[in-house]
Amino acid sequence: MSTETTPADAPGLSSRMRQLAFLLGSFECTDPEDPGSEPSFLHTRVLMDGHSLWSEGRWQGFTAGRVFAWDAARSVFIEHFFLETGASGVATSPGWEDGKLVLTGSFTLPDGRSSKVRDTFLPAGANAFTIESEALVETSWVRAGRFLCRRQ
């Protein structure tokens, strides 16, 4: 797949996975509120004949990987994510609603502590998107990071 792939022209993806085609390609992600911070990098490609996506890269100083797929039994997108530290998590989303894709789940650290997490993806043009990451602290969602990702 070309890094120019957008949701409108994502050949080879299943009809459900076309909703996630905006993730395909290579991206540099920066924190718009901290322009001097180290950028993060993602590269996402198609797996399993278009029924899932694999995303990997350097994220906030850590090597990270994500698998995205459609869970037909529950009618949700499912994301499994992993960090080089041994931390991992699972999140789900029913799909795009009100112009955003929200994945909510839990994240477990190597010491066994866990937290509820939420990532909100918003389009920012044909070749960019933002991710807002949040963690549930007691009863409130607290922003953990915001990133603007631009296709390279």
N, C-alpha and C. Protein backbone atom coordinates (compact mmCIF):
# COMPACT_ATOMS: atom_id res chain seq x y z
N MET A 1 0.83 -1.19 0.00
CA MET A 1 0.00 0.00 0.00
C MET A 1 0.87 1.25 0.00
N SER A 2 0.45 2.24 -0.69
CA SER A 2 1.14 3.52 -0.75
C SER A 2 0.88 4.32 0.52
N THR A 3 1.81 5.17 0.87
CA THR A 3 1.58 6.05 2.02
C THR A 3 0.58 7.14 1.66
N GLU A 4 0.15 7.19 0.42
CA GLU A 4 -0.88 8.16 0.02
C GLU A 4 -2.30 7.59 0.21
N THR A 5 -2.40 6.37 0.72
CA THR A 5 -3.71 5.74 0.88
C THR A 5 -4.56 6.53 1.86
N THR A 6 -5.78 6.80 1.47
CA THR A 6 -6.75 7.48 2.32
C THR A 6 -7.99 6.61 2.41
N PRO A 7 -8.94 6.93 3.30
CA PRO A 7 -10.14 6.10 3.41
C PRO A 7 -10.88 5.89 2.10
N ALA A 8 -10.81 6.87 1.20
CA ALA A 8 -11.54 6.75 -0.06
C ALA A 8 -10.90 5.77 -1.05
N ASP A 9 -9.60 5.51 -0.91
CA ASP A 9 -8.93 4.65 -1.89
C ASP A 9 -8.04 3.62 -1.19
N ALA A 10 -8.67 2.76 -0.42
CA ALA A 10 -7.92 1.76 0.35
C ALA A 10 -8.19 0.37 -0.21
N PRO A 11 -7.63 0.06 -1.38
CA PRO A 11 -7.87 -1.26 -1.96
C PRO A 11 -7.32 -2.37 -1.07
N GLY A 12 -8.01 -3.49 -1.04
CA GLY A 12 -7.54 -4.63 -0.27
C GLY A 12 -8.05 -4.68 1.15
N LEU A 13 -8.65 -3.62 1.64
CA LEU A 13 -9.21 -3.64 3.00
C LEU A 13 -10.64 -4.15 2.97
N SER A 14 -11.01 -4.88 4.01
CA SER A 14 -12.41 -5.29 4.15
C SER A 14 -13.26 -4.04 4.31
N SER A 15 -14.55 -4.15 4.07
CA SER A 15 -15.42 -2.97 4.16
C SER A 15 -15.37 -2.33 5.54
N ARG A 16 -15.33 -3.12 6.61
CA ARG A 16 -15.25 -2.56 7.96
C ARG A 16 -13.91 -1.86 8.19
N MET A 17 -12.83 -2.47 7.76
CA MET A 17 -11.50 -1.93 8.02
C MET A 17 -11.22 -0.65 7.22
N ARG A 18 -12.01 -0.40 6.17
CA ARG A 18 -11.84 0.86 5.43
C ARG A 18 -12.05 2.06 6.34
N GLN A 19 -12.82 1.88 7.42
CA GLN A 19 -13.02 2.98 8.37
C GLN A 19 -11.72 3.38 9.08
N LEU A 20 -10.73 2.49 9.07
CA LEU A 20 -9.45 2.75 9.74
C LEU A 20 -8.33 3.02 8.74
N ALA A 21 -8.67 3.16 7.46
CA ALA A 21 -7.65 3.37 6.42
C ALA A 21 -6.86 4.64 6.62
N PHE A 22 -7.40 5.61 7.34
CA PHE A 22 -6.67 6.85 7.60
C PHE A 22 -5.36 6.59 8.35
N LEU A 23 -5.25 5.43 9.01
CA LEU A 23 -4.04 5.08 9.77
C LEU A 23 -2.92 4.53 8.90
N LEU A 24 -3.24 4.15 7.66
CA LEU A 24 -2.24 3.51 6.80
C LEU A 24 -1.13 4.47 6.39
N GLY A 25 0.09 3.95 6.41
CA GLY A 25 1.24 4.73 5.96
C GLY A 25 2.16 5.07 7.11
N SER A 26 3.05 6.03 6.85
CA SER A 26 4.03 6.47 7.84
C SER A 26 3.69 7.88 8.29
N PHE A 27 3.77 8.12 9.59
CA PHE A 27 3.38 9.40 10.18
C PHE A 27 4.43 9.88 11.18
N GLU A 28 4.59 11.20 11.24
CA GLU A 28 5.32 11.83 12.32
C GLU A 28 4.27 12.52 13.19
N CYS A 29 4.33 12.27 14.50
CA CYS A 29 3.33 12.82 15.42
C CYS A 29 4.02 13.74 16.41
N THR A 30 3.47 14.94 16.55
CA THR A 30 4.04 15.93 17.46
C THR A 30 2.98 16.44 18.42
N ASP A 31 3.42 16.95 19.53
CA ASP A 31 2.54 17.55 20.53
C ASP A 31 2.40 19.02 20.19
N PRO A 32 1.23 19.48 19.70
CA PRO A 32 1.10 20.88 19.30
C PRO A 32 1.28 21.85 20.47
N GLU A 33 1.13 21.38 21.69
CA GLU A 33 1.28 22.25 22.86
C GLU A 33 2.72 22.27 23.38
N ASP A 34 3.58 21.40 22.82
CA ASP A 34 4.99 21.35 23.23
C ASP A 34 5.85 21.14 21.98
N PRO A 35 6.01 22.21 21.16
CA PRO A 35 6.71 22.07 19.89
C PRO A 35 8.14 21.57 19.99
N GLY A 36 8.78 21.71 21.14
CA GLY A 36 10.16 21.25 21.30
C GLY A 36 10.28 19.80 21.72
N SER A 37 9.16 19.13 21.95
CA SER A 37 9.21 17.74 22.42
C SER A 37 9.62 16.80 21.30
N GLU A 38 10.14 15.64 21.70
CA GLU A 38 10.57 14.63 20.73
C GLU A 38 9.36 14.11 19.96
N PRO A 39 9.42 14.09 18.62
CA PRO A 39 8.28 13.57 17.86
C PRO A 39 8.16 12.05 18.01
N SER A 40 6.96 11.57 17.80
CA SER A 40 6.70 10.12 17.75
C SER A 40 6.52 9.73 16.29
N PHE A 41 6.74 8.47 15.99
CA PHE A 41 6.62 7.98 14.62
C PHE A 41 5.77 6.73 14.60
N LEU A 42 4.91 6.62 13.59
CA LEU A 42 4.08 5.42 13.40
C LEU A 42 4.21 4.94 11.98
N HIS A 43 4.12 3.64 11.80
CA HIS A 43 3.99 3.07 10.47
C HIS A 43 2.92 1.99 10.56
N THR A 44 1.90 2.11 9.72
CA THR A 44 0.77 1.18 9.77
C THR A 44 0.61 0.51 8.42
N ARG A 45 0.40 -0.82 8.47
CA ARG A 45 0.22 -1.59 7.23
C ARG A 45 -0.92 -2.59 7.40
N VAL A 46 -1.34 -3.15 6.29
CA VAL A 46 -2.45 -4.10 6.26
C VAL A 46 -1.93 -5.50 6.59
N LEU A 47 -2.72 -6.25 7.35
CA LEU A 47 -2.45 -7.66 7.69
C LEU A 47 -3.65 -8.52 7.32
N MET A 48 -3.44 -9.80 7.26
CA MET A 48 -4.51 -10.80 7.12
C MET A 48 -5.48 -10.47 5.99
N ASP A 49 -4.92 -10.22 4.81
CA ASP A 49 -5.73 -9.95 3.62
C ASP A 49 -6.75 -8.83 3.83
N GLY A 50 -6.37 -7.81 4.58
CA GLY A 50 -7.23 -6.64 4.74
C GLY A 50 -8.18 -6.69 5.91
N HIS A 51 -8.06 -7.71 6.77
CA HIS A 51 -8.98 -7.84 7.90
C HIS A 51 -8.40 -7.29 9.20
N SER A 52 -7.16 -6.81 9.16
CA SER A 52 -6.59 -6.16 10.34
C SER A 52 -5.46 -5.23 9.91
N LEU A 53 -5.04 -4.38 10.83
CA LEU A 53 -3.93 -3.46 10.60
C LEU A 53 -2.89 -3.66 11.70
N TRP A 54 -1.63 -3.50 11.34
CA TRP A 54 -0.53 -3.53 12.31
C TRP A 54 0.11 -2.15 12.29
N SER A 55 0.23 -1.53 13.45
CA SER A 55 0.85 -0.22 13.59
C SER A 55 2.00 -0.35 14.57
N GLU A 56 3.16 0.17 14.19
CA GLU A 56 4.31 0.12 15.09
C GLU A 56 5.09 1.41 14.99
N GLY A 57 5.86 1.67 16.01
CA GLY A 57 6.69 2.86 15.95
C GLY A 57 7.23 3.26 17.30
N ARG A 58 7.80 4.43 17.31
CA ARG A 58 8.37 5.02 18.51
C ARG A 58 7.34 6.00 19.02
N TRP A 59 6.82 5.76 20.20
CA TRP A 59 5.71 6.53 20.74
C TRP A 59 6.06 7.04 22.12
N GLN A 60 6.18 8.35 22.28
CA GLN A 60 6.52 8.98 23.55
C GLN A 60 7.76 8.34 24.18
N GLY A 61 8.75 8.05 23.34
CA GLY A 61 10.00 7.51 23.83
C GLY A 61 10.06 6.00 23.95
N PHE A 62 8.96 5.29 23.67
CA PHE A 62 8.91 3.83 23.77
C PHE A 62 8.59 3.22 22.42
N THR A 63 9.10 2.01 22.19
CA THR A 63 8.69 1.25 21.02
C THR A 63 7.34 0.63 21.33
N ALA A 64 6.40 0.83 20.42
CA ALA A 64 5.02 0.38 20.66
C ALA A 64 4.48 -0.32 19.43
N GLY A 65 3.53 -1.22 19.64
CA GLY A 65 2.84 -1.90 18.56
C GLY A 65 1.35 -1.96 18.85
N ARG A 66 0.55 -1.94 17.77
CA ARG A 66 -0.91 -2.02 17.90
C ARG A 66 -1.45 -2.90 16.78
N VAL A 67 -2.44 -3.69 17.10
CA VAL A 67 -3.19 -4.45 16.10
C VAL A 67 -4.63 -3.96 16.18
N PHE A 68 -5.18 -3.60 15.02
CA PHE A 68 -6.58 -3.17 14.93
C PHE A 68 -7.33 -4.21 14.11
N ALA A 69 -8.54 -4.57 14.53
CA ALA A 69 -9.36 -5.52 13.78
C ALA A 69 -10.83 -5.26 14.09
N TRP A 70 -11.71 -5.94 13.35
CA TRP A 70 -13.15 -5.87 13.59
C TRP A 70 -13.56 -7.14 14.34
N ASP A 71 -14.22 -6.98 15.47
CA ASP A 71 -14.73 -8.10 16.26
C ASP A 71 -16.20 -8.27 15.88
N ALA A 72 -16.46 -9.21 14.98
CA ALA A 72 -17.82 -9.40 14.46
C ALA A 72 -18.79 -9.87 15.53
N ALA A 73 -18.33 -10.65 16.50
CA ALA A 73 -19.23 -11.16 17.55
C ALA A 73 -19.79 -10.04 18.40
N ARG A 74 -18.97 -9.00 18.63
CA ARG A 74 -19.43 -7.88 19.48
C ARG A 74 -19.74 -6.62 18.66
N SER A 75 -19.53 -6.67 17.36
CA SER A 75 -19.75 -5.52 16.47
C SER A 75 -18.99 -4.28 16.94
N VAL A 76 -17.69 -4.45 17.20
CA VAL A 76 -16.82 -3.34 17.59
C VAL A 76 -15.45 -3.51 16.95
N PHE A 77 -14.76 -2.40 16.79
CA PHE A 77 -13.34 -2.46 16.47
C PHE A 77 -12.62 -2.80 17.76
N ILE A 78 -11.57 -3.59 17.63
CA ILE A 78 -10.77 -3.95 18.80
C ILE A 78 -9.32 -3.59 18.51
N GLU A 79 -8.66 -3.07 19.51
CA GLU A 79 -7.26 -2.69 19.39
C GLU A 79 -6.50 -3.37 20.53
N HIS A 80 -5.44 -4.08 20.18
CA HIS A 80 -4.51 -4.64 21.17
C HIS A 80 -3.25 -3.81 21.06
N PHE A 81 -2.74 -3.30 22.18
CA PHE A 81 -1.53 -2.51 22.11
C PHE A 81 -0.51 -3.00 23.12
N PHE A 82 0.78 -2.80 22.76
CA PHE A 82 1.90 -3.34 23.51
C PHE A 82 3.02 -2.33 23.55
N LEU A 83 3.71 -2.23 24.67
CA LEU A 83 4.91 -1.41 24.77
C LEU A 83 6.11 -2.30 25.05
N GLU A 84 7.29 -1.85 24.66
CA GLU A 84 8.52 -2.61 24.89
C GLU A 84 8.74 -2.91 26.37
N THR A 85 8.13 -2.14 27.26
CA THR A 85 8.30 -2.31 28.70
C THR A 85 7.54 -3.52 29.25
N GLY A 86 6.66 -4.09 28.42
CA GLY A 86 5.82 -5.20 28.87
C GLY A 86 4.41 -4.75 29.20
N ALA A 87 4.15 -3.47 29.15
CA ALA A 87 2.79 -2.96 29.36
C ALA A 87 1.94 -3.31 28.14
N SER A 88 0.65 -3.52 28.36
CA SER A 88 -0.23 -3.86 27.25
C SER A 88 -1.66 -3.46 27.58
N GLY A 89 -2.51 -3.50 26.56
CA GLY A 89 -3.90 -3.15 26.78
C GLY A 89 -4.79 -3.56 25.63
N VAL A 90 -6.06 -3.41 25.87
CA VAL A 90 -7.09 -3.71 24.88
C VAL A 90 -8.13 -2.60 24.96
N ALA A 91 -8.55 -2.13 23.78
CA ALA A 91 -9.60 -1.11 23.72
C ALA A 91 -10.56 -1.45 22.60
N THR A 92 -11.78 -0.94 22.69
CA THR A 92 -12.78 -1.20 21.67
C THR A 92 -13.51 0.09 21.29
N SER A 93 -14.14 0.05 20.12
CA SER A 93 -14.94 1.17 19.63
C SER A 93 -16.03 0.65 18.70
N PRO A 94 -17.23 1.22 18.77
CA PRO A 94 -18.26 0.84 17.81
C PRO A 94 -18.01 1.41 16.42
N GLY A 95 -17.06 2.34 16.29
CA GLY A 95 -16.75 2.97 15.01
C GLY A 95 -16.92 4.47 15.10
N TRP A 96 -16.93 5.11 13.95
CA TRP A 96 -17.01 6.57 13.89
C TRP A 96 -18.38 7.05 14.36
N GLU A 97 -18.36 8.02 15.27
CA GLU A 97 -19.57 8.67 15.74
C GLU A 97 -19.27 10.15 15.90
N ASP A 98 -20.13 11.00 15.37
CA ASP A 98 -19.96 12.46 15.48
C ASP A 98 -18.59 12.93 15.01
N GLY A 99 -18.07 12.31 13.94
CA GLY A 99 -16.81 12.74 13.35
C GLY A 99 -15.56 12.32 14.08
N LYS A 100 -15.69 11.39 15.04
CA LYS A 100 -14.50 10.92 15.77
C LYS A 100 -14.60 9.43 16.03
N LEU A 101 -13.43 8.83 16.20
CA LEU A 101 -13.31 7.41 16.53
C LEU A 101 -12.75 7.33 17.95
N VAL A 102 -13.51 6.77 18.87
CA VAL A 102 -13.10 6.70 20.27
C VAL A 102 -12.90 5.24 20.66
N LEU A 103 -11.67 4.90 21.08
CA LEU A 103 -11.34 3.56 21.56
C LEU A 103 -11.16 3.64 23.07
N THR A 104 -11.94 2.84 23.81
CA THR A 104 -11.89 2.86 25.27
C THR A 104 -11.56 1.46 25.77
N GLY A 105 -10.68 1.38 26.77
CA GLY A 105 -10.30 0.07 27.30
C GLY A 105 -9.48 0.19 28.55
N SER A 106 -8.58 -0.78 28.72
CA SER A 106 -7.72 -0.76 29.91
C SER A 106 -6.28 -1.04 29.50
N PHE A 107 -5.37 -0.53 30.32
CA PHE A 107 -3.94 -0.60 30.09
C PHE A 107 -3.32 -1.19 31.35
N THR A 108 -2.51 -2.24 31.22
CA THR A 108 -1.89 -2.89 32.37
C THR A 108 -0.38 -2.71 32.32
N LEU A 109 0.17 -2.23 33.42
CA LEU A 109 1.62 -2.05 33.55
C LEU A 109 2.28 -3.37 33.95
N PRO A 110 3.59 -3.51 33.73
CA PRO A 110 4.27 -4.76 34.09
C PRO A 110 4.12 -5.16 35.56
N ASP A 111 3.93 -4.19 36.46
CA ASP A 111 3.77 -4.52 37.88
C ASP A 111 2.34 -4.94 38.25
N GLY A 112 1.45 -5.00 37.25
CA GLY A 112 0.09 -5.45 37.49
C GLY A 112 -0.94 -4.35 37.68
N ARG A 113 -0.48 -3.13 37.92
CA ARG A 113 -1.44 -2.02 38.05
C ARG A 113 -2.09 -1.76 36.69
N SER A 114 -3.36 -1.36 36.73
CA SER A 114 -4.03 -1.07 35.47
C SER A 114 -4.82 0.23 35.57
N SER A 115 -5.16 0.74 34.40
CA SER A 115 -5.90 2.00 34.31
C SER A 115 -6.85 1.92 33.12
N LYS A 116 -7.98 2.57 33.25
CA LYS A 116 -8.88 2.74 32.11
C LYS A 116 -8.28 3.82 31.22
N VAL A 117 -8.31 3.61 29.91
CA VAL A 117 -7.74 4.55 28.96
C VAL A 117 -8.71 4.80 27.82
N ARG A 118 -8.51 5.95 27.17
CA ARG A 118 -9.37 6.31 26.04
C ARG A 118 -8.53 7.09 25.04
N ASP A 119 -8.57 6.67 23.77
CA ASP A 119 -7.92 7.40 22.67
C ASP A 119 -9.00 7.88 21.71
N THR A 120 -8.97 9.17 21.41
CA THR A 120 -9.93 9.75 20.47
C THR A 120 -9.16 10.20 19.23
N PHE A 121 -9.55 9.65 18.08
CA PHE A 121 -8.94 9.98 16.79
C PHE A 121 -9.86 10.96 16.06
N LEU A 122 -9.28 12.06 15.60
CA LEU A 122 -10.03 13.07 14.84
C LEU A 122 -9.31 13.36 13.54
N PRO A 123 -10.04 13.41 12.40
CA PRO A 123 -9.38 13.75 11.15
C PRO A 123 -8.88 15.19 11.19
N ALA A 124 -7.74 15.42 10.55
CA ALA A 124 -7.16 16.76 10.45
C ALA A 124 -6.71 17.00 9.02
N GLY A 125 -7.57 16.69 8.06
CA GLY A 125 -7.25 16.79 6.64
C GLY A 125 -7.02 15.41 6.05
N ALA A 126 -6.76 15.36 4.75
CA ALA A 126 -6.62 14.08 4.05
C ALA A 126 -5.39 13.30 4.48
N ASN A 127 -4.36 13.97 4.98
CA ASN A 127 -3.11 13.30 5.32
C ASN A 127 -2.68 13.52 6.76
N ALA A 128 -3.63 13.76 7.65
CA ALA A 128 -3.29 14.00 9.05
C ALA A 128 -4.46 13.65 9.95
N PHE A 129 -4.15 13.37 11.21
CA PHE A 129 -5.17 13.14 12.22
C PHE A 129 -4.59 13.52 13.58
N THR A 130 -5.47 13.72 14.54
CA THR A 130 -5.02 13.95 15.91
C THR A 130 -5.45 12.77 16.78
N ILE A 131 -4.67 12.54 17.81
CA ILE A 131 -5.00 11.54 18.83
C ILE A 131 -4.99 12.26 20.17
N GLU A 132 -6.08 12.13 20.91
CA GLU A 132 -6.11 12.61 22.28
C GLU A 132 -6.18 11.40 23.18
N SER A 133 -5.17 11.23 24.02
CA SER A 133 -5.10 10.10 24.94
C SER A 133 -5.49 10.56 26.34
N GLU A 134 -6.33 9.76 27.00
CA GLU A 134 -6.79 10.09 28.34
C GLU A 134 -6.73 8.86 29.23
N ALA A 135 -6.63 9.09 30.53
CA ALA A 135 -6.68 8.03 31.53
C ALA A 135 -7.75 8.41 32.55
N LEU A 136 -8.45 7.41 33.05
CA LEU A 136 -9.47 7.64 34.06
C LEU A 136 -8.79 7.71 35.43
N VAL A 137 -8.90 8.86 36.07
CA VAL A 137 -8.35 9.07 37.41
C VAL A 137 -9.54 9.29 38.33
N GLU A 138 -9.74 8.31 39.20
CA GLU A 138 -10.92 8.27 40.07
C GLU A 138 -12.17 8.30 39.21
N THR A 139 -12.85 9.44 39.08
CA THR A 139 -14.09 9.48 38.30
C THR A 139 -14.01 10.43 37.11
N SER A 140 -12.81 10.95 36.81
CA SER A 140 -12.67 11.93 35.73
C SER A 140 -11.63 11.49 34.71
N TRP A 141 -11.89 11.78 33.44
CA TRP A 141 -10.93 11.53 32.39
C TRP A 141 -9.92 12.68 32.38
N VAL A 142 -8.63 12.32 32.43
CA VAL A 142 -7.54 13.30 32.46
C VAL A 142 -6.69 13.11 31.20
N ARG A 143 -6.45 14.19 30.48
CA ARG A 143 -5.68 14.09 29.25
C ARG A 143 -4.23 13.71 29.56
N ALA A 144 -3.76 12.67 28.88
CA ALA A 144 -2.39 12.19 29.04
C ALA A 144 -1.50 12.69 27.90
N GLY A 145 -2.12 13.08 26.79
CA GLY A 145 -1.35 13.57 25.66
C GLY A 145 -2.25 13.90 24.49
N ARG A 146 -1.77 14.79 23.64
CA ARG A 146 -2.48 15.14 22.41
C ARG A 146 -1.43 15.23 21.32
N PHE A 147 -1.68 14.58 20.20
CA PHE A 147 -0.69 14.50 19.14
C PHE A 147 -1.32 14.77 17.79
N LEU A 148 -0.61 15.53 16.96
CA LEU A 148 -0.99 15.76 15.58
C LEU A 148 -0.08 14.88 14.74
N CYS A 149 -0.67 13.97 13.99
CA CYS A 149 0.10 13.01 13.17
C CYS A 149 -0.06 13.37 11.69
N ARG A 150 1.08 13.59 11.03
CA ARG A 150 1.07 13.96 9.61
C ARG A 150 1.75 12.87 8.80
N ARG A 151 1.09 12.54 7.69
CA ARG A 151 1.63 11.52 6.78
C ARG A 151 2.97 12.00 6.21
N GLN A 152 3.95 11.10 6.18
CA GLN A 152 5.28 11.43 5.67
C GLN A 152 5.44 10.93 4.24
